[in-house]
Protein backbone atom coordinates (compact mmCIF):
# COMPACT_ATOMS: atom_id res chain seq x y z
CA MET A 1 -7.10 8.20 -14.44
CA LYS A 2 -10.24 10.10 -13.80
CA THR A 3 -10.06 13.57 -12.29
CA GLU A 4 -12.90 15.35 -10.50
CA LEU A 5 -13.27 18.70 -8.84
CA VAL A 6 -13.92 18.60 -5.17
CA THR A 7 -17.22 20.45 -5.63
CA THR A 8 -18.27 17.67 -8.06
CA LEU A 9 -17.39 15.10 -5.40
CA LYS A 10 -19.62 17.03 -2.94
CA ARG A 11 -22.51 17.09 -5.21
CA GLN A 12 -22.21 13.61 -6.89
CA ALA A 13 -20.43 11.50 -4.23
CA THR A 14 -22.78 8.49 -4.67
CA LYS A 15 -22.32 8.47 -8.53
CA ILE A 16 -18.47 8.94 -8.23
CA LEU A 17 -18.30 6.07 -5.82
CA ALA A 18 -20.34 3.85 -8.03
CA ASP A 19 -18.27 4.66 -11.01
CA LEU A 20 -15.11 3.89 -8.80
CA ARG A 21 -16.38 0.49 -7.77
CA ALA A 22 -17.36 -0.42 -11.42
CA SER A 23 -14.09 0.79 -13.06
CA LYS A 24 -11.69 0.12 -10.22
CA GLU A 25 -9.88 3.22 -11.45
CA PRO A 26 -8.52 5.68 -8.98
CA VAL A 27 -9.99 9.17 -8.98
CA LEU A 28 -7.86 12.24 -8.44
CA ILE A 29 -9.74 15.06 -6.54
CA THR A 30 -8.60 18.57 -7.35
CA GLU A 31 -9.10 21.69 -5.19
CA HIS A 32 -8.55 25.11 -6.75
CA GLY A 33 -6.89 23.41 -9.81
CA GLN A 34 -4.40 21.49 -7.57
CA PRO A 35 -4.36 17.79 -6.71
CA SER A 36 -5.86 17.29 -3.28
CA ALA A 37 -6.53 13.61 -2.80
CA TYR A 38 -7.04 10.16 -4.46
CA LEU A 39 -10.18 8.01 -4.08
CA LEU A 40 -9.32 4.18 -4.33
CA ASP A 41 -11.29 1.18 -4.26
CA VAL A 42 -11.01 -0.49 -0.77
CA GLY A 43 -9.57 -3.64 -2.22
CA ASP A 44 -6.95 -1.80 -4.20
CA TYR A 45 -6.02 0.19 -1.15
CA GLU A 46 -5.62 -2.83 1.05
CA MET A 47 -3.49 -4.63 -1.58
CA MET A 48 -1.27 -1.59 -1.84
CA GLN A 49 -0.85 -1.65 1.91
CA SER A 50 0.04 -5.25 1.88
CA ARG A 51 2.65 -4.77 -0.92
CA ILE A 52 4.07 -1.83 1.00
CA ARG A 53 4.59 -4.05 4.20
CA ILE A 54 6.34 -6.65 2.03
CA LEU A 55 8.63 -4.20 0.46
CA GLU A 56 9.40 -2.65 3.80
CA GLY A 57 10.38 -6.06 5.12
CA ILE A 58 12.67 -6.69 2.09
CA ALA A 59 14.27 -3.24 2.68
CA LYS A 60 14.94 -4.18 6.31
CA GLY A 61 16.45 -7.53 5.22
CA GLU A 62 18.68 -5.77 2.69
CA THR A 63 19.87 -3.34 5.35
CA ALA A 64 20.57 -6.21 7.85
CA VAL A 65 22.67 -8.00 5.16
CA GLN A 66 24.63 -4.77 4.29
CA GLU A 67 25.24 -4.20 8.01
CA GLY A 68 26.39 -7.75 8.55
CA ARG A 69 23.46 -8.67 10.81
CA VAL A 70 23.07 -12.24 9.43
CA PHE A 71 23.38 -15.74 10.79
CA SER A 72 24.54 -18.96 8.98
CA HIS A 73 21.95 -21.66 8.66
CA HIS A 74 23.54 -23.60 11.45
CA GLU A 75 23.61 -20.46 13.81
CA ALA A 76 19.83 -19.76 12.90
CA GLU A 77 18.93 -23.40 13.83
CA LYS A 78 20.63 -23.24 17.05
CA LYS A 79 18.99 -19.95 18.06
CA LEU A 80 15.61 -21.19 16.93
CA GLY A 81 16.07 -24.85 18.16
CA LYS A 82 13.70 -24.49 21.12
CA TRP A 83 10.82 -23.43 18.84
CA LEU A 84 11.49 -25.93 15.94
CA LYS A 85 11.09 -29.02 18.20
């Protein structure tokens, strides 16, 4: 992963963004020697957000199963019957 100082980002934002688009490699921005932010390609960021939503849905499903909030196939068909016709 590439690392840049925040001052370098201020001075060379166009070049850093062009490099980011070309390499698709995230850039860690540091401030006073400490990590401050990541720059990500828009497509990569959107893909990560999509994956997070999927993982959150799976986690909710696992919690529902652990808590016994489940229906048999027959019960589900019965509850959804009006929409399945």
